[in-house]
PDB file of N, CA and C in Angstrom:
ATOM      1  N   MET A   1      80.323  96.117 134.621  1.00  0.00           N
ATOM      2  CA  MET A   1      81.782  95.280 134.132  1.00  0.00           C
ATOM      3  C   MET A   1      82.358  94.195 133.689  1.00  0.00           C
ATOM      4  N   SER A   2      82.759  94.191 132.952  1.00  0.00           N
ATOM      5  CA  SER A   2      83.335  93.135 132.235  1.00  0.00           C
ATOM      6  C   SER A   2      84.411  92.218 133.141  1.00  0.00           C
ATOM      7  N   ASN A   3      83.954  91.236 132.653  1.00  0.00           N
ATOM      8  CA  ASN A   3      85.601  90.116 133.374  1.00  0.00           C
ATOM      9  C   ASN A   3      86.378  89.930 132.245  1.00  0.00           C
ATOM     10  N   ALA A   4      87.537  89.292 133.158  1.00  0.00           N
ATOM     11  CA  ALA A   4      88.325  88.895 132.192  1.00  0.00           C
ATOM     12  C   ALA A   4      88.453  88.180 131.097  1.00  0.00           C
ATOM     13  N   SER A   5      87.864  86.987 131.436  1.00  0.00           N
ATOM     14  CA  SER A   5      87.461  85.942 130.538  1.00  0.00           C
ATOM     15  C   SER A   5      87.096  86.806 128.971  1.00  0.00           C
ATOM     16  N   ASP A   6      86.311  87.677 129.200  1.00  0.00           N
ATOM     17  CA  ASP A   6      85.968  88.480 127.456  1.00  0.00           C
ATOM     18  C   ASP A   6      86.376  89.520 127.293  1.00  0.00           C
ATOM     19  N   GLY A   7      87.850  89.752 127.605  1.00  0.00           N
ATOM     20  CA  GLY A   7      88.933  90.354 127.076  1.00  0.00           C
ATOM     21  C   GLY A   7      88.684  92.049 127.911  1.00  0.00           C
ATOM     22  N   GLY A   8      88.100  91.764 129.545  1.00  0.00           N
ATOM     23  CA  GLY A   8      87.869  93.323 129.992  1.00  0.00           C
ATOM     24  C   GLY A   8      86.699  93.827 129.400  1.00  0.00           C
ATOM     25  N   SER A   9      87.324  95.088 128.665  1.00  0.00           N
ATOM     26  CA  SER A   9      86.026  95.857 128.017  1.00  0.00           C
ATOM     27  C   SER A   9      85.814  95.551 126.776  1.00  0.00           C
ATOM     28  N   LEU A  10      84.830  96.190 125.811  1.00  0.00           N
ATOM     29  CA  LEU A  10      84.580  95.653 124.642  1.00  0.00           C
ATOM     30  C   LEU A  10      85.653  96.207 123.954  1.00  0.00           C
ATOM     31  N   GLY A  11      85.875  97.262 124.008  1.00  0.00           N
ATOM     32  CA  GLY A  11      87.071  97.929 123.143  1.00  0.00           C
ATOM     33  C   GLY A  11      88.411  97.548 123.268  1.00  0.00           C
ATOM     34  N   VAL A  12      88.607  96.720 124.235  1.00  0.00           N
ATOM     35  CA  VAL A  12      89.725  96.258 124.666  1.00  0.00           C
ATOM     36  C   VAL A  12      89.985  94.921 124.011  1.00  0.00           C
ATOM     37  N   ARG A  13      88.753  93.949 124.075  1.00  0.00           N
ATOM     38  CA  ARG A  13      88.088  93.067 123.377  1.00  0.00           C
ATOM     39  C   ARG A  13      88.326  92.975 121.887  1.00  0.00           C
ATOM     40  N   ARG A  14      88.216  94.322 121.348  1.00  0.00           N
ATOM     41  CA  ARG A  14      87.807  94.362 119.752  1.00  0.00           C
ATOM     42  C   ARG A  14      89.352  94.586 119.241  1.00  0.00           C
ATOM     43  N   LYS A  15      90.177  95.566 120.282  1.00  0.00           N
ATOM     44  CA  LYS A  15      91.499  95.563 119.709  1.00  0.00           C
ATOM     45  C   LYS A  15      92.399  94.075 119.474  1.00  0.00           C
ATOM     46  N   GLN A  16      92.383  93.403 120.861  1.00  0.00           N
ATOM     47  CA  GLN A  16      92.899  91.975 120.398  1.00  0.00           C
ATOM     48  C   GLN A  16      92.499  91.678 119.562  1.00  0.00           C
ATOM     49  N   LEU A  17      91.157  91.304 119.509  1.00  0.00           N
ATOM     50  CA  LEU A  17      90.758  90.591 118.037  1.00  0.00           C
ATOM     51  C   LEU A  17      90.804  91.088 116.723  1.00  0.00           C
ATOM     52  N   LEU A  18      91.410  92.395 116.780  1.00  0.00           N
ATOM     53  CA  LEU A  18      91.766  92.970 115.022  1.00  0.00           C
ATOM     54  C   LEU A  18      93.157  92.463 114.972  1.00  0.00           C
ATOM     55  N   PHE A  19      94.011  92.478 116.074  1.00  0.00           N
ATOM     56  CA  PHE A  19      95.158  92.496 116.066  1.00  0.00           C
ATOM     57  C   PHE A  19      95.128  90.454 115.707  1.00  0.00           C
ATOM     58  N   ARG A  20      94.651  90.073 116.354  1.00  0.00           N
ATOM     59  CA  ARG A  20      94.591  88.377 115.825  1.00  0.00           C
ATOM     60  C   ARG A  20      93.996  87.868 114.318  1.00  0.00           C
ATOM     61  N   CYS A  21      93.284  89.020 114.194  1.00  0.00           N
ATOM     62  CA  CYS A  21      92.245  88.674 112.815  1.00  0.00           C
ATOM     63  C   CYS A  21      93.817  89.291 111.644  1.00  0.00           C
ATOM     64  N   GLN A  22      94.401  90.122 111.837  1.00  0.00           N
ATOM     65  CA  GLN A  22      95.276  90.691 110.853  1.00  0.00           C
ATOM     66  C   GLN A  22      96.782  89.482 110.953  1.00  0.00           C
ATOM     67  N   ARG A  23      96.923  88.717 111.670  1.00  0.00           N
ATOM     68  CA  ARG A  23      97.983  88.083 112.040  1.00  0.00           C
ATOM     69  C   ARG A  23      98.066  86.604 112.607  1.00  0.00           C
ATOM     70  N   ARG A  24      97.159  85.508 111.541  1.00  0.00           N
ATOM     71  CA  ARG A  24      96.897  84.536 111.927  1.00  0.00           C
ATOM     72  C   ARG A  24      97.898  83.826 111.452  1.00  0.00           C
ATOM     73  N   GLY A  25      98.485  84.064 110.482  1.00  0.00           N
ATOM     74  CA  GLY A  25      99.760  82.977 109.709  1.00  0.00           C
ATOM     75  C   GLY A  25      99.323  82.410 108.837  1.00  0.00           C
ATOM     76  N   PHE A  26      98.488  82.671 108.069  1.00  0.00           N
ATOM     77  CA  PHE A  26      98.024  81.941 106.493  1.00  0.00           C
ATOM     78  C   PHE A  26      97.848  83.275 105.767  1.00  0.00           C
ATOM     79  N   LYS A  27      98.400  83.700 105.087  1.00  0.00           N
ATOM     80  CA  LYS A  27      98.132  85.135 104.336  1.00  0.00           C
ATOM     81  C   LYS A  27      97.093  85.682 103.720  1.00  0.00           C
ATOM     82  N   GLU A  28      96.156  84.071 103.298  1.00  0.00           N
ATOM     83  CA  GLU A  28      94.877  84.855 102.585  1.00  0.00           C
ATOM     84  C   GLU A  28      93.833  84.992 103.204  1.00  0.00           C
ATOM     85  N   VAL A  29      93.803  83.906 104.651  1.00  0.00           N
ATOM     86  CA  VAL A  29      93.193  84.365 105.719  1.00  0.00           C
ATOM     87  C   VAL A  29      93.248  85.640 106.299  1.00  0.00           C
ATOM     88  N   ASP A  30      94.724  85.891 106.567  1.00  0.00           N
ATOM     89  CA  ASP A  30      95.025  87.268 106.951  1.00  0.00           C
ATOM     90  C   ASP A  30      94.268  88.533 106.599  1.00  0.00           C
ATOM     91  N   LEU A  31      94.683  88.795 104.763  1.00  0.00           N
ATOM     92  CA  LEU A  31      93.627  89.449 104.132  1.00  0.00           C
ATOM     93  C   LEU A  31      92.027  89.552 104.440  1.00  0.00           C
ATOM     94  N   ILE A  32      91.360  88.400 104.583  1.00  0.00           N
ATOM     95  CA  ILE A  32      89.949  88.563 104.660  1.00  0.00           C
ATOM     96  C   ILE A  32      89.557  88.866 105.995  1.00  0.00           C
ATOM     97  N   PHE A  33      90.003  88.331 106.923  1.00  0.00           N
ATOM     98  CA  PHE A  33      90.086  88.600 108.096  1.00  0.00           C
ATOM     99  C   PHE A  33      90.511  90.132 108.733  1.00  0.00           C
ATOM    100  N   GLY A  34      91.833  90.527 108.276  1.00  0.00           N
ATOM    101  CA  GLY A  34      91.937  91.739 108.656  1.00  0.00           C
ATOM    102  C   GLY A  34      91.064  92.775 108.056  1.00  0.00           C
ATOM    103  N   THR A  35      90.599  92.649 106.568  1.00  0.00           N
ATOM    104  CA  THR A  35      89.837  93.836 105.711  1.00  0.00           C
ATOM    105  C   THR A  35      88.677  93.272 106.531  1.00  0.00           C
ATOM    106  N   PHE A  36      88.013  92.457 107.345  1.00  0.00           N
ATOM    107  CA  PHE A  36      86.582  92.479 107.890  1.00  0.00           C
ATOM    108  C   PHE A  36      86.850  93.104 109.274  1.00  0.00           C
ATOM    109  N   ALA A  37      87.803  92.675 109.739  1.00  0.00           N
ATOM    110  CA  ALA A  37      88.007  93.328 110.922  1.00  0.00           C
ATOM    111  C   ALA A  37      88.079  94.749 111.115  1.00  0.00           C
ATOM    112  N   ALA A  38      89.109  95.676 110.027  1.00  0.00           N
ATOM    113  CA  ALA A  38      89.105  97.064 110.024  1.00  0.00           C
ATOM    114  C   ALA A  38      87.787  97.516 109.704  1.00  0.00           C
ATOM    115  N   ARG A  39      87.049  96.827 109.003  1.00  0.00           N
ATOM    116  CA  ARG A  39      86.021  97.539 108.388  1.00  0.00           C
ATOM    117  C   ARG A  39      84.780  97.244 109.404  1.00  0.00           C
ATOM    118  N   GLU A  40      84.714  96.552 110.419  1.00  0.00           N
ATOM    119  CA  GLU A  40      83.338  95.890 110.469  1.00  0.00           C
ATOM    120  C   GLU A  40      83.345  95.921 112.542  1.00  0.00           C
ATOM    121  N   ILE A  41      84.740  95.625 112.678  1.00  0.00           N
ATOM    122  CA  ILE A  41      85.039  95.316 114.085  1.00  0.00           C
ATOM    123  C   ILE A  41      84.010  96.409 115.337  1.00  0.00           C
ATOM    124  N   ASP A  42      84.309  97.377 115.167  1.00  0.00           N
ATOM    125  CA  ASP A  42      83.924  98.492 115.969  1.00  0.00           C
ATOM    126  C   ASP A  42      82.277  98.214 115.858  1.00  0.00           C
ATOM    127  N   SER A  43      81.601  97.606 115.041  1.00  0.00           N
ATOM    128  CA  SER A  43      79.928  97.515 115.233  1.00  0.00           C
ATOM    129  C   SER A  43      79.696  95.987 115.836  1.00  0.00           C
ATOM    130  N   LEU A  44      80.603  95.786 115.890  1.00  0.00           N
ATOM    131  CA  LEU A  44      80.114  93.599 116.337  1.00  0.00           C
ATOM    132  C   LEU A  44      79.993  94.095 117.871  1.00  0.00           C
ATOM    133  N   GLY A  45      78.883  93.642 118.383  1.00  0.00           N
ATOM    134  CA  GLY A  45      78.531  93.205 119.703  1.00  0.00           C
ATOM    135  C   GLY A  45      79.298  92.074 120.039  1.00  0.00           C
ATOM    136  N   ALA A  46      79.025  91.563 121.636  1.00  0.00           N
ATOM    137  CA  ALA A  46      79.446  90.721 122.321  1.00  0.00           C
ATOM    138  C   ALA A  46      79.298  89.181 121.480  1.00  0.00           C
ATOM    139  N   ALA A  47      78.165  88.740 121.073  1.00  0.00           N
ATOM    140  CA  ALA A  47      77.456  87.794 120.594  1.00  0.00           C
ATOM    141  C   ALA A  47      78.875  87.874 119.083  1.00  0.00           C
ATOM    142  N   ASP A  48      78.711  88.655 118.171  1.00  0.00           N
ATOM    143  CA  ASP A  48      79.257  88.421 117.309  1.00  0.00           C
ATOM    144  C   ASP A  48      80.932  88.550 117.519  1.00  0.00           C
ATOM    145  N   LEU A  49      81.551  88.646 118.611  1.00  0.00           N
ATOM    146  CA  LEU A  49      82.487  89.046 118.796  1.00  0.00           C
ATOM    147  C   LEU A  49      82.885  87.405 119.452  1.00  0.00           C
ATOM    148  N   ASP A  50      82.048  86.868 119.906  1.00  0.00           N
ATOM    149  CA  ASP A  50      82.008  85.543 120.090  1.00  0.00           C
ATOM    150  C   ASP A  50      82.805  84.575 119.245  1.00  0.00           C
ATOM    151  N   ALA A  51      81.409  84.982 117.939  1.00  0.00           N
ATOM    152  CA  ALA A  51      81.492  83.882 116.708  1.00  0.00           C
ATOM    153  C   ALA A  51      82.984  84.268 115.824  1.00  0.00           C
ATOM    154  N   LEU A  52      83.033  85.732 115.783  1.00  0.00           N
ATOM    155  CA  LEU A  52      84.356  85.767 115.355  1.00  0.00           C
ATOM    156  C   LEU A  52      85.789  84.850 115.923  1.00  0.00           C
ATOM    157  N   GLU A  53      85.565  85.176 117.556  1.00  0.00           N
ATOM    158  CA  GLU A  53      86.899  84.650 118.246  1.00  0.00           C
ATOM    159  C   GLU A  53      86.464  83.094 117.879  1.00  0.00           C
ATOM    160  N   ALA A  54      85.502  82.594 117.611  1.00  0.00           N
ATOM    161  CA  ALA A  54      85.571  80.851 117.238  1.00  0.00           C
ATOM    162  C   ALA A  54      85.955  80.608 116.255  1.00  0.00           C
ATOM    163  N   LEU A  55      86.181  81.482 115.034  1.00  0.00           N
ATOM    164  CA  LEU A  55      86.558  81.276 114.179  1.00  0.00           C
ATOM    165  C   LEU A  55      88.529  81.337 113.877  1.00  0.00           C
ATOM    166  N   LEU A  56      88.264  82.763 114.599  1.00  0.00           N
ATOM    167  CA  LEU A  56      90.094  82.584 114.674  1.00  0.00           C
ATOM    168  C   LEU A  56      90.626  81.604 115.137  1.00  0.00           C
ATOM    169  N   ASN A  57      89.806  80.538 116.618  1.00  0.00           N
ATOM    170  CA  ASN A  57      90.293  79.430 116.976  1.00  0.00           C
ATOM    171  C   ASN A  57      90.423  78.290 115.822  1.00  0.00           C
ATOM    172  N   ALA A  58      89.758  78.499 114.884  1.00  0.00           N
ATOM    173  CA  ALA A  58      89.418  77.168 113.830  1.00  0.00           C
ATOM    174  C   ALA A  58      90.608  76.980 113.056  1.00  0.00           C
ATOM    175  N   PRO A  59      91.597  75.699 112.504  1.00  0.00           N
ATOM    176  CA  PRO A  59      92.421  75.356 111.652  1.00  0.00           C
ATOM    177  C   PRO A  59      91.941  76.902 110.426  1.00  0.00           C
ATOM    178  N   ASP A  60      93.277  77.243 110.260  1.00  0.00           N
ATOM    179  CA  ASP A  60      93.446  78.088 109.033  1.00  0.00           C
ATOM    180  C   ASP A  60      92.841  77.580 107.990  1.00  0.00           C
ATOM    181  N   GLN A  61      93.128  76.647 107.194  1.00  0.00           N
ATOM    182  CA  GLN A  61      93.184  75.453 106.376  1.00  0.00           C
ATOM    183  C   GLN A  61      91.220  75.445 106.011  1.00  0.00           C
ATOM    184  N   ASP A  62      90.857  75.004 107.393  1.00  0.00           N
ATOM    185  CA  ASP A  62      89.626  74.694 107.013  1.00  0.00           C
ATOM    186  C   ASP A  62      88.560  75.716 107.255  1.00  0.00           C
ATOM    187  N   VAL A  63      88.991  77.146 107.692  1.00  0.00           N
ATOM    188  CA  VAL A  63      88.328  78.423 107.640  1.00  0.00           C
ATOM    189  C   VAL A  63      88.237  78.677 105.745  1.00  0.00           C
ATOM    190  N   PHE A  64      89.532  78.461 105.450  1.00  0.00           N
ATOM    191  CA  PHE A  64      89.903  78.898 104.146  1.00  0.00           C
ATOM    192  C   PHE A  64      88.933  78.548 103.333  1.00  0.00           C
ATOM    193  N   ALA A  65      89.099  76.877 103.633  1.00  0.00           N
ATOM    194  CA  ALA A  65      88.009  75.891 102.808  1.00  0.00           C
ATOM    195  C   ALA A  65      86.386  76.401 102.810  1.00  0.00           C
ATOM    196  N   TRP A  66      86.349  76.786 104.103  1.00  0.00           N
ATOM    197  CA  TRP A  66      84.842  77.307 104.172  1.00  0.00           C
ATOM    198  C   TRP A  66      84.364  78.084 103.582  1.00  0.00           C
ATOM    199  N   LEU A  67      85.446  79.121 103.718  1.00  0.00           N
ATOM    200  CA  LEU A  67      84.860  80.637 102.874  1.00  0.00           C
ATOM    201  C   LEU A  67      85.120  80.310 101.560  1.00  0.00           C
ATOM    202  N   LYS A  68      85.565  79.293 100.828  1.00  0.00           N
ATOM    203  CA  LYS A  68      85.647  79.088  99.522  1.00  0.00           C
ATOM    204  C   LYS A  68      84.195  78.207  99.219  1.00  0.00           C
ATOM    205  N   SER A  69      83.815  77.306 100.106  1.00  0.00           N
ATOM    206  CA  SER A  69      82.773  76.553  99.899  1.00  0.00           C
ATOM    207  C   SER A  69      83.255  75.127  99.504  1.00  0.00           C
ATOM    208  N   GLU A  70      84.753  74.894  99.671  1.00  0.00           N
ATOM    209  CA  GLU A  70      85.442  73.735  99.296  1.00  0.00           C
ATOM    210  C   GLU A  70      84.794  72.295 100.150  1.00  0.00           C
ATOM    211  N   ILE A  71      84.772  72.804 101.542  1.00  0.00           N
ATOM    212  CA  ILE A  71      84.071  71.514 102.352  1.00  0.00           C
ATOM    213  C   ILE A  71      82.819  72.454 102.791  1.00  0.00           C
ATOM    214  N   PRO A  72      82.266  71.413 103.799  1.00  0.00           N
ATOM    215  CA  PRO A  72      80.895  72.186 104.311  1.00  0.00           C
ATOM    216  C   PRO A  72      80.856  73.015 105.593  1.00  0.00           C
ATOM    217  N   LEU A  73      80.774  73.872 105.826  1.00  0.00           N
ATOM    218  CA  LEU A  73      80.677  74.649 106.960  1.00  0.00           C
ATOM    219  C   LEU A  73      79.764  73.859 108.197  1.00  0.00           C
ATOM    220  N   PRO A  74      80.631  73.530 109.159  1.00  0.00           N
ATOM    221  CA  PRO A  74      79.730  73.121 110.161  1.00  0.00           C
ATOM    222  C   PRO A  74      78.832  73.928 111.144  1.00  0.00           C
ATOM    223  N   PRO A  75      77.817  73.415 111.385  1.00  0.00           N
ATOM    224  CA  PRO A  75      76.487  74.003 112.231  1.00  0.00           C
ATOM    225  C   PRO A  75      77.114  75.068 113.251  1.00  0.00           C
ATOM    226  N   ASP A  76      78.068  74.975 113.997  1.00  0.00           N
ATOM    227  CA  ASP A  76      78.847  75.818 115.072  1.00  0.00           C
ATOM    228  C   ASP A  76      79.064  77.188 114.270  1.00  0.00           C
ATOM    229  N   TYR A  77      79.889  77.329 113.090  1.00  0.00           N
ATOM    230  CA  TYR A  77      80.543  78.286 112.707  1.00  0.00           C
ATOM    231  C   TYR A  77      79.375  78.951 111.572  1.00  0.00           C
ATOM    232  N   ASP A  78      78.124  78.590 111.362  1.00  0.00           N
ATOM    233  CA  ASP A  78      77.455  79.130 110.906  1.00  0.00           C
ATOM    234  C   ASP A  78      76.704  80.322 111.404  1.00  0.00           C
ATOM    235  N   THR A  79      76.938  81.590 111.181  1.00  0.00           N
ATOM    236  CA  THR A  79      76.427  82.804 111.991  1.00  0.00           C
ATOM    237  C   THR A  79      76.772  83.775 111.167  1.00  0.00           C
ATOM    238  N   PRO A  80      76.046  84.871 111.719  1.00  0.00           N
ATOM    239  CA  PRO A  80      75.917  85.965 110.689  1.00  0.00           C
ATOM    240  C   PRO A  80      77.795  86.767 110.252  1.00  0.00           C
ATOM    241  N   VAL A  81      78.504  86.351 111.420  1.00  0.00           N
ATOM    242  CA  VAL A  81      79.658  87.101 111.315  1.00  0.00           C
ATOM    243  C   VAL A  81      80.321  86.328 110.105  1.00  0.00           C
ATOM    244  N   PHE A  82      80.339  85.033 109.746  1.00  0.00           N
ATOM    245  CA  PHE A  82      80.440  83.828 108.923  1.00  0.00           C
ATOM    246  C   PHE A  82      79.911  84.629 107.119  1.00  0.00           C
ATOM    247  N   ALA A  83      78.893  84.827 107.531  1.00  0.00           N
ATOM    248  CA  ALA A  83      78.142  84.944 106.436  1.00  0.00           C
ATOM    249  C   ALA A  83      78.726  86.728 105.437  1.00  0.00           C
ATOM    250  N   ARG A  84      79.021  87.399 106.633  1.00  0.00           N
ATOM    251  CA  ARG A  84      79.520  88.797 106.651  1.00  0.00           C
ATOM    252  C   ARG A  84      81.174  88.341 106.119  1.00  0.00           C
ATOM    253  N   LEU A  85      82.014  87.252 106.484  1.00  0.00           N
ATOM    254  CA  LEU A  85      83.099  87.152 106.014  1.00  0.00           C
ATOM    255  C   LEU A  85      83.010  86.459 104.284  1.00  0.00           C
ATOM    256  N   ARG A  86      81.960  85.938 104.269  1.00  0.00           N
ATOM    257  CA  ARG A  86      81.785  85.215 102.888  1.00  0.00           C
ATOM    258  C   ARG A  86      81.779  86.020 102.023  1.00  0.00           C
ATOM    259  N   ALA A  87      80.527  86.757 102.114  1.00  0.00           N
ATOM    260  CA  ALA A  87      80.083  88.021 101.656  1.00  0.00           C
ATOM    261  C   ALA A  87      81.243  88.987 101.142  1.00  0.00           C
ATOM    262  N   LEU A  88      82.076  89.334 102.217  1.00  0.00           N
ATOM    263  CA  LEU A  88      83.688  89.987 101.971  1.00  0.00           C
ATOM    264  C   LEU A  88      84.188  89.447 100.866  1.00  0.00           C
ATOM    265  N   CYS A  89      84.333  88.014 100.809  1.00  0.00           N
ATOM    266  CA  CYS A  89      85.225  87.337  99.388  1.00  0.00           C
ATOM    267  C   CYS A  89      84.533  87.033  98.189  1.00  0.00           C
ATOM    268  N   SER A  90      83.532  87.091  98.275  1.00  0.00           N
ATOM    269  CA  SER A  90      82.572  87.331  96.900  1.00  0.00           C
ATOM    270  C   SER A  90      82.632  88.558  96.358  1.00  0.00           C
ATOM    271  N   ARG A  91      82.979  89.998  96.911  1.00  0.00           N
ATOM    272  CA  ARG A  91      83.049  91.172  95.969  1.00  0.00           C
ATOM    273  C   ARG A  91      83.750  91.145  94.745  1.00  0.00           C
ATOM    274  N   LYS A  92      83.090  91.799  93.923  1.00  0.00           N
ATOM    275  CA  LYS A  92      83.308  91.633  92.692  1.00  0.00           C
ATOM    276  C   LYS A  92      84.382  93.083  92.628  1.00  0.00           C
ATOM    277  N   ASP A  93      85.925  92.554  92.271  1.00  0.00           N
ATOM    278  CA  ASP A  93      87.062  93.686  91.998  1.00  0.00           C
ATOM    279  C   ASP A  93      87.475  93.931  93.735  1.00  0.00           C
ATOM    280  N   PRO A  94      87.839  92.844  94.546  1.00  0.00           N
ATOM    281  CA  PRO A  94      87.828  93.261  95.920  1.00  0.00           C
ATOM    282  C   PRO A  94      89.303  93.926  96.500  1.00  0.00           C
ATOM    283  N   THR A  95      89.566  94.741  97.042  1.00  0.00           N
ATOM    284  CA  THR A  95      90.836  95.197  97.284  1.00  0.00           C
ATOM    285  C   THR A  95      90.888  94.707  99.011  1.00  0.00           C
ATOM    286  N   TRP A  96      91.944  94.536  99.273  1.00  0.00           N
ATOM    287  CA  TRP A  96      92.493  93.622 100.728  1.00  0.00           C
ATOM    288  C   TRP A  96      93.185  95.358 101.153  1.00  0.00           C
ATOM    289  N   ASN A  97      92.733  95.459 102.545  1.00  0.00           N
ATOM    290  CA  ASN A  97      93.454  96.733 103.217  1.00  0.00           C
ATOM    291  C   ASN A  97      94.392  96.347 104.231  1.00  0.00           C
ATOM    292  N   VAL A  98      95.041  95.100 104.010  1.00  0.00           N
ATOM    293  CA  VAL A  98      95.725  94.937 105.724  1.00  0.00           C
ATOM    294  C   VAL A  98      97.048  95.144 104.960  1.00  0.00           C
TER     295      VAL A  98
END
């Protein structure tokens, strides 16, 4: 059984993170995170959810600059989840579904 600090069950935690991904307050990052979460949230395990949540807690402008490779990515955020977010941004002719 999960505890309250990890959002209860993984299903509840995924729903909470999906909501947060879609409503960060920085439109470009909302589109990137929202699209990523809509496509991938159900496949993320606990460790990946932790990495996603850490990115959600980082400042929007920093995350956007990391995604665009304008400033170096701190090692703490260099995770497979971030790599997948960056890959989403580098698609040819992307569409955003949020």
